[in-house]
C-alpha atoms as a PDB file:
ATOM      1  CA  MET A   1     -68.658  -1.608  18.184  1.00  0.00           C
ATOM      2  CA  ARG A   2     -67.069   1.388  16.698  1.00  0.00           C
ATOM      3  CA  ILE A   3     -64.390   1.405  19.672  1.00  0.00           C
ATOM      4  CA  VAL A   4     -63.364  -2.065  18.771  1.00  0.00           C
ATOM      5  CA  LEU A   5     -63.295  -1.314  14.931  1.00  0.00           C
ATOM      6  CA  MET A   6     -61.152   1.628  15.601  1.00  0.00           C
ATOM      7  CA  LEU A   7     -58.908  -0.400  18.136  1.00  0.00           C
ATOM      8  CA  LEU A   8     -58.493  -3.014  15.108  1.00  0.00           C
ATOM      9  CA  VAL A   9     -57.577  -0.505  12.513  1.00  0.00           C
ATOM     10  CA  CYS A  10     -54.987   1.060  14.879  1.00  0.00           C
ATOM     11  CA  ILE A  11     -53.465  -2.330  15.803  1.00  0.00           C
ATOM     12  CA  SER A  12     -53.306  -3.192  12.086  1.00  0.00           C
ATOM     13  CA  LEU A  13     -51.671   0.146  11.151  1.00  0.00           C
ATOM     14  CA  THR A  14     -48.983   0.025  14.059  1.00  0.00           C
ATOM     15  CA  ALA A  15     -48.228  -3.597  12.944  1.00  0.00           C
ATOM     16  CA  CYS A  16     -47.439  -2.664   9.458  1.00  0.00           C
ATOM     17  CA  ALA A  17     -45.441   0.365  10.546  1.00  0.00           C
ATOM     18  CA  SER A  18     -43.289  -2.001  12.706  1.00  0.00           C
ATOM     19  CA  THR A  19     -42.007  -4.225   9.864  1.00  0.00           C
ATOM     20  CA  PRO A  20     -38.570  -3.348   9.134  1.00  0.00           C
ATOM     21  CA  VAL A  21     -37.679  -2.954   5.538  1.00  0.00           C
ATOM     22  CA  ALA A  22     -34.600  -4.826   4.226  1.00  0.00           C
ATOM     23  CA  ALA A  23     -31.806  -2.969   2.466  1.00  0.00           C
ATOM     24  CA  PRO A  24     -30.830  -3.999  -1.087  1.00  0.00           C
ATOM     25  CA  PRO A  25     -27.642  -5.945  -1.142  1.00  0.00           C
ATOM     26  CA  GLN A  26     -24.581  -3.837  -2.000  1.00  0.00           C
ATOM     27  CA  LEU A  27     -21.200  -4.663  -3.463  1.00  0.00           C
ATOM     28  CA  VAL A  28     -18.280  -3.981  -1.188  1.00  0.00           C
ATOM     29  CA  THR A  29     -14.599  -3.720  -2.442  1.00  0.00           C
ATOM     30  CA  VAL A  30     -11.896  -4.701  -0.066  1.00  0.00           C
ATOM     31  CA  THR A  31      -8.350  -3.869  -0.626  1.00  0.00           C
ATOM     32  CA  LYS A  32      -5.829  -5.956   1.410  1.00  0.00           C
ATOM     33  CA  VAL A  33      -2.131  -4.640   1.494  1.00  0.00           C
ATOM     34  CA  ARG A  34       0.353  -7.691   1.053  1.00  0.00           C
ATOM     35  CA  TYR A  35       4.290  -7.223   1.295  1.00  0.00           C
ATOM     36  CA  VAL A  36       6.259  -9.482  -0.381  1.00  0.00           C
ATOM     37  CA  PRO A  37      10.228  -9.836  -0.582  1.00  0.00           C
ATOM     38  CA  MET A  38      12.228  -8.359  -3.290  1.00  0.00           C
ATOM     39  CA  PRO A  39      14.394 -10.602  -5.481  1.00  0.00           C
ATOM     40  CA  ALA A  40      17.925 -10.972  -4.138  1.00  0.00           C
ATOM     41  CA  ALA A  41      19.105  -9.724  -7.660  1.00  0.00           C
ATOM     42  CA  ASP A  42      17.716  -6.164  -6.703  1.00  0.00           C
ATOM     43  CA  LEU A  43      19.655  -6.092  -3.538  1.00  0.00           C
ATOM     44  CA  LEU A  44      23.334  -6.416  -5.227  1.00  0.00           C
ATOM     45  CA  PRO A  45      25.919  -3.991  -4.365  1.00  0.00           C
ATOM     46  CA  CYS A  46      26.228  -0.996  -6.673  1.00  0.00           C
ATOM     47  CA  THR A  47      28.775  -0.419  -9.289  1.00  0.00           C
ATOM     48  CA  VAL A  48      29.845   2.683 -10.689  1.00  0.00           C
ATOM     49  CA  THR A  49      31.414   3.281 -14.366  1.00  0.00           C
ATOM     50  CA  SER A  50      33.228   6.194 -15.565  1.00  0.00           C
ATOM     51  CA  GLY A  51      33.992   7.854 -18.871  1.00  0.00           C
ATOM     52  CA  PRO A  52      37.414   7.853 -20.654  1.00  0.00           C
ATOM     53  CA  ILE A  53      40.222   9.080 -18.122  1.00  0.00           C
ATOM     54  CA  ARG A  54      43.039  11.268 -20.017  1.00  0.00           C
ATOM     55  CA  THR A  55      44.331  13.456 -16.992  1.00  0.00           C
ATOM     56  CA  GLY A  56      44.753  13.525 -13.322  1.00  0.00           C
ATOM     57  CA  ALA A  57      41.718  15.831 -12.962  1.00  0.00           C
ATOM     58  CA  ASP A  58      39.735  13.297 -14.846  1.00  0.00           C
ATOM     59  CA  VAL A  59      40.751  10.759 -12.164  1.00  0.00           C
ATOM     60  CA  VAL A  60      39.625  13.200  -9.475  1.00  0.00           C
ATOM     61  CA  ASP A  61      36.202  13.807 -10.666  1.00  0.00           C
ATOM     62  CA  ALA A  62      35.606  10.238 -11.511  1.00  0.00           C
ATOM     63  CA  TRP A  63      36.625   9.236  -7.962  1.00  0.00           C
ATOM     64  CA  GLN A  64      34.241  11.924  -6.420  1.00  0.00           C
ATOM     65  CA  HIS A  65      31.559  11.098  -8.693  1.00  0.00           C
ATOM     66  CA  ALA A  66      32.008   7.182  -7.884  1.00  0.00           C
ATOM     67  CA  LEU A  67      32.071   7.989  -3.784  1.00  0.00           C
ATOM     68  CA  GLN A  68      28.828  10.138  -4.138  1.00  0.00           C
ATOM     69  CA  ALA A  69      27.042   7.286  -6.526  1.00  0.00           C
ATOM     70  CA  LEU A  70      27.816   4.643  -4.325  1.00  0.00           C
ATOM     71  CA  ALA A  71      27.033   6.381  -1.013  1.00  0.00           C
ATOM     72  CA  ILE A  72      23.567   7.186  -2.391  1.00  0.00           C
ATOM     73  CA  CYS A  73      23.170   3.683  -3.888  1.00  0.00           C
ATOM     74  CA  ASP A  74      24.341   1.943  -0.488  1.00  0.00           C
ATOM     75  CA  ALA A  75      21.856   4.124   1.363  1.00  0.00           C
ATOM     76  CA  GLN A  76      18.985   3.066  -0.851  1.00  0.00           C
ATOM     77  CA  ILE A  77      19.951  -0.649  -1.004  1.00  0.00           C
ATOM     78  CA  SER A  78      20.011  -0.796   3.032  1.00  0.00           C
ATOM     79  CA  ASP A  79      16.782   0.739   3.154  1.00  0.00           C
ATOM     80  CA  LEU A  80      15.406  -1.709   0.923  1.00  0.00           C
ATOM     81  CA  LYS A  81      17.179  -4.524   2.676  1.00  0.00           C
ATOM     82  CA  ARG A  82      15.596  -3.258   6.173  1.00  0.00           C
ATOM     83  CA  LEU A  83      12.124  -3.258   4.437  1.00  0.00           C
ATOM     84  CA  ASN A  84      12.739  -6.606   3.019  1.00  0.00           C
ATOM     85  CA  THR A  85      13.024  -8.031   6.543  1.00  0.00           C
ATOM     86  CA  GLN A  86       9.471  -6.843   7.166  1.00  0.00           C
ATOM     87  CA  ALA A  87       7.952  -8.709   4.280  1.00  0.00           C
ATOM     88  CA  HIS A  88       6.186 -11.909   4.739  1.00  0.00           C
ATOM     89  CA  PRO A  89       5.869 -14.383   1.696  1.00  0.00           C
END
Protein backbone atom coordinates (compact mmCIF):
# COMPACT_ATOMS: atom_id res chain seq x y z
CA MET A 1 0.00 0.00 0.00
CA ARG A 2 2.83 2.36 0.81
CA ILE A 3 4.42 1.72 -2.55
CA VAL A 4 1.19 2.57 -4.35
CA LEU A 5 0.80 5.74 -2.31
CA MET A 6 4.38 6.82 -3.00
CA LEU A 7 3.94 6.00 -6.68
CA LEU A 8 0.83 8.19 -6.86
CA VAL A 9 2.64 11.06 -5.11
CA CYS A 10 5.57 10.79 -7.55
CA ILE A 11 3.28 10.71 -10.57
CA SER A 12 1.32 13.73 -9.37
CA LEU A 13 4.52 15.71 -8.70
CA THR A 14 5.98 14.95 -12.11
CA ALA A 15 2.73 15.91 -13.83
CA CYS A 16 2.77 19.33 -12.16
CA ALA A 17 6.40 19.90 -13.01
CA SER A 18 5.93 19.15 -16.72
CA THR A 19 3.15 21.73 -17.22
CA PRO A 20 4.68 24.63 -19.21
CA VAL A 21 4.35 28.11 -17.79
CA ALA A 22 3.12 30.63 -20.36
CA ALA A 23 5.11 33.85 -20.60
CA PRO A 24 3.13 37.07 -20.32
CA PRO A 25 2.53 38.96 -23.59
CA GLN A 26 5.08 41.63 -24.46
CA LEU A 27 4.94 44.75 -26.62
CA VAL A 28 7.20 44.66 -29.66
CA THR A 29 8.20 47.74 -31.65
CA VAL A 30 8.79 47.21 -35.37
CA THR A 31 10.60 49.75 -37.54
CA LYS A 32 9.93 49.72 -41.26
CA VAL A 33 12.13 51.73 -43.62
CA ARG A 34 10.24 53.21 -46.55
CA TYR A 35 11.86 55.29 -49.28
CA VAL A 36 9.75 57.89 -51.03
CA PRO A 37 10.65 59.89 -54.15
CA MET A 38 11.91 63.43 -53.69
CA PRO A 39 9.86 66.31 -55.07
CA ALA A 40 10.94 67.40 -58.55
CA ALA A 41 11.44 70.96 -57.25
CA ASP A 42 14.35 69.71 -55.12
CA LEU A 43 16.11 68.30 -58.17
CA LEU A 44 16.27 71.48 -60.26
CA PRO A 45 19.67 72.67 -61.56
CA CYS A 46 21.61 75.05 -59.33
CA THR A 47 22.06 78.75 -59.87
CA VAL A 48 24.84 80.89 -58.48
CA THR A 49 24.60 84.59 -57.73
CA SER A 50 27.50 86.95 -57.25
CA GLY A 51 28.06 90.27 -55.52
CA PRO A 52 28.75 93.58 -57.26
CA ILE A 53 31.42 93.34 -59.93
CA ARG A 54 33.59 96.44 -60.24
CA THR A 55 36.90 95.21 -61.65
CA GLY A 56 38.29 92.47 -63.85
CA ALA A 57 39.56 90.64 -60.76
CA ASP A 58 35.99 90.60 -59.39
CA VAL A 59 34.87 88.94 -62.61
CA VAL A 60 37.52 86.25 -62.33
CA ASP A 61 36.76 85.64 -58.64
CA ALA A 62 33.02 85.42 -59.32
CA TRP A 63 33.62 83.04 -62.22
CA GLN A 64 35.84 80.72 -60.13
CA HIS A 65 33.37 80.78 -57.24
CA ALA A 66 30.49 80.01 -59.59
CA LEU A 67 32.32 77.08 -61.18
CA GLN A 68 33.16 75.53 -57.79
CA ALA A 69 29.66 76.06 -56.41
CA LEU A 70 28.01 74.62 -59.53
CA ALA A 71 30.30 71.59 -59.55
CA ILE A 72 29.47 70.79 -55.91
CA CYS A 73 25.76 71.41 -56.40
CA ASP A 74 25.56 69.36 -59.61
CA ALA A 75 27.34 66.45 -57.93
CA GLN A 76 24.89 66.54 -55.03
CA ILE A 77 21.88 66.70 -57.35
CA SER A 78 23.16 63.78 -59.45
CA ASP A 79 23.56 61.75 -56.24
CA LEU A 80 19.99 62.64 -55.23
CA LYS A 81 18.65 61.71 -58.66
CA ARG A 82 20.43 58.36 -58.47
CA LEU A 83 18.91 57.69 -55.05
CA ASN A 84 15.53 58.93 -56.25
CA THR A 85 15.39 56.19 -58.90
CA GLN A 86 15.71 53.59 -56.12
CA ALA A 87 12.69 54.93 -54.18
CA HIS A 88 9.34 53.20 -54.56
CA PRO A 89 6.18 55.18 -53.83
